[in-house]
């Protein structure tokens, strides 16, 4: 029973760590394919460009 709780706790901890990495990677970490901008900034600049283009 204790091993199952530890395993569940460890699994939850790993899931939290993966979610934190995923958030960092997909939001804040610069990507070469985006001109070394973080995805959040690239998205913001894309929509700003589209608004200017639309008029």
C-alpha atoms as a PDB file:
ATOM      1  CA  UNK A   1       0.000   0.000   0.000  1.00  0.00           C
ATOM      2  CA  UNK A   2       2.800   2.424   0.894  1.00  0.00           C
ATOM      3  CA  UNK A   3       4.656   1.606  -2.320  1.00  0.00           C
ATOM      4  CA  UNK A   4       1.521   2.360  -4.340  1.00  0.00           C
ATOM      5  CA  UNK A   5       1.151   5.767  -2.645  1.00  0.00           C
ATOM      6  CA  UNK A   6       4.814   6.550  -3.227  1.00  0.00           C
ATOM      7  CA  UNK A   7       4.497   5.506  -6.856  1.00  0.00           C
ATOM      8  CA  UNK A   8       1.412   7.690  -7.308  1.00  0.00           C
ATOM      9  CA  UNK A   9       3.154  10.597  -5.606  1.00  0.00           C
ATOM     10  CA  UNK A  10       6.242  10.163  -7.779  1.00  0.00           C
ATOM     11  CA  UNK A  11       4.061   9.959 -10.886  1.00  0.00           C
ATOM     12  CA  UNK A  12       2.274  13.176  -9.948  1.00  0.00           C
ATOM     13  CA  UNK A  13       5.631  14.875  -9.316  1.00  0.00           C
ATOM     14  CA  UNK A  14       6.953  13.790 -12.714  1.00  0.00           C
ATOM     15  CA  UNK A  15       3.741  14.993 -14.386  1.00  0.00           C
ATOM     16  CA  UNK A  16       4.124  18.401 -12.715  1.00  0.00           C
ATOM     17  CA  UNK A  17       7.741  18.634 -13.831  1.00  0.00           C
ATOM     18  CA  UNK A  18       6.790  17.709 -17.404  1.00  0.00           C
ATOM     19  CA  UNK A  19       3.993  20.278 -17.431  1.00  0.00           C
ATOM     20  CA  UNK A  20       6.413  22.960 -16.202  1.00  0.00           C
ATOM     21  CA  UNK A  21       8.929  22.013 -18.902  1.00  0.00           C
ATOM     22  CA  UNK A  22       6.203  21.958 -21.544  1.00  0.00           C
ATOM     23  CA  UNK A  23       4.971  25.404 -20.515  1.00  0.00           C
ATOM     24  CA  UNK A  24       8.490  26.823 -20.540  1.00  0.00           C
ATOM     25  CA  UNK A  25       9.374  25.214 -23.877  1.00  0.00           C
ATOM     26  CA  UNK A  26       6.173  26.246 -25.635  1.00  0.00           C
ATOM     27  CA  UNK A  27       5.887  29.745 -24.149  1.00  0.00           C
ATOM     28  CA  UNK A  28       9.189  31.251 -23.074  1.00  0.00           C
ATOM     29  CA  UNK A  29      12.092  29.334 -24.652  1.00  0.00           C
ATOM     30  CA  UNK A  30      13.415  30.828 -27.900  1.00  0.00           C
ATOM     31  CA  UNK A  31      13.053  28.640 -31.003  1.00  0.00           C
ATOM     32  CA  UNK A  32      15.311  28.868 -34.027  1.00  0.00           C
ATOM     33  CA  UNK A  33      12.361  28.208 -36.347  1.00  0.00           C
ATOM     34  CA  UNK A  34      10.721  31.377 -34.984  1.00  0.00           C
ATOM     35  CA  UNK A  35      13.740  33.584 -35.529  1.00  0.00           C
ATOM     36  CA  UNK A  36      14.970  32.838 -32.004  1.00  0.00           C
ATOM     37  CA  UNK A  37      11.834  34.323 -30.468  1.00  0.00           C
ATOM     38  CA  UNK A  38       9.858  32.591 -27.754  1.00  0.00           C
ATOM     39  CA  UNK A  39       6.563  31.194 -29.084  1.00  0.00           C
ATOM     40  CA  UNK A  40       4.427  33.607 -27.023  1.00  0.00           C
ATOM     41  CA  UNK A  41       6.287  36.613 -28.435  1.00  0.00           C
ATOM     42  CA  UNK A  42       6.234  35.207 -31.981  1.00  0.00           C
ATOM     43  CA  UNK A  43       2.474  34.727 -31.716  1.00  0.00           C
ATOM     44  CA  UNK A  44       1.979  38.256 -30.424  1.00  0.00           C
ATOM     45  CA  UNK A  45       4.106  39.727 -33.220  1.00  0.00           C
ATOM     46  CA  UNK A  46       2.279  37.628 -35.812  1.00  0.00           C
ATOM     47  CA  UNK A  47      -1.120  38.971 -34.756  1.00  0.00           C
ATOM     48  CA  UNK A  48       0.190  42.535 -34.560  1.00  0.00           C
ATOM     49  CA  UNK A  49       1.504  42.155 -38.109  1.00  0.00           C
ATOM     50  CA  UNK A  50      -1.824  40.727 -39.293  1.00  0.00           C
ATOM     51  CA  UNK A  51      -3.722  43.663 -37.735  1.00  0.00           C
ATOM     52  CA  UNK A  52      -1.466  46.196 -39.458  1.00  0.00           C
ATOM     53  CA  UNK A  53      -1.821  44.329 -42.731  1.00  0.00           C
ATOM     54  CA  UNK A  54      -5.623  44.282 -42.432  1.00  0.00           C
ATOM     55  CA  UNK A  55      -5.749  47.966 -42.137  1.00  0.00           C
END
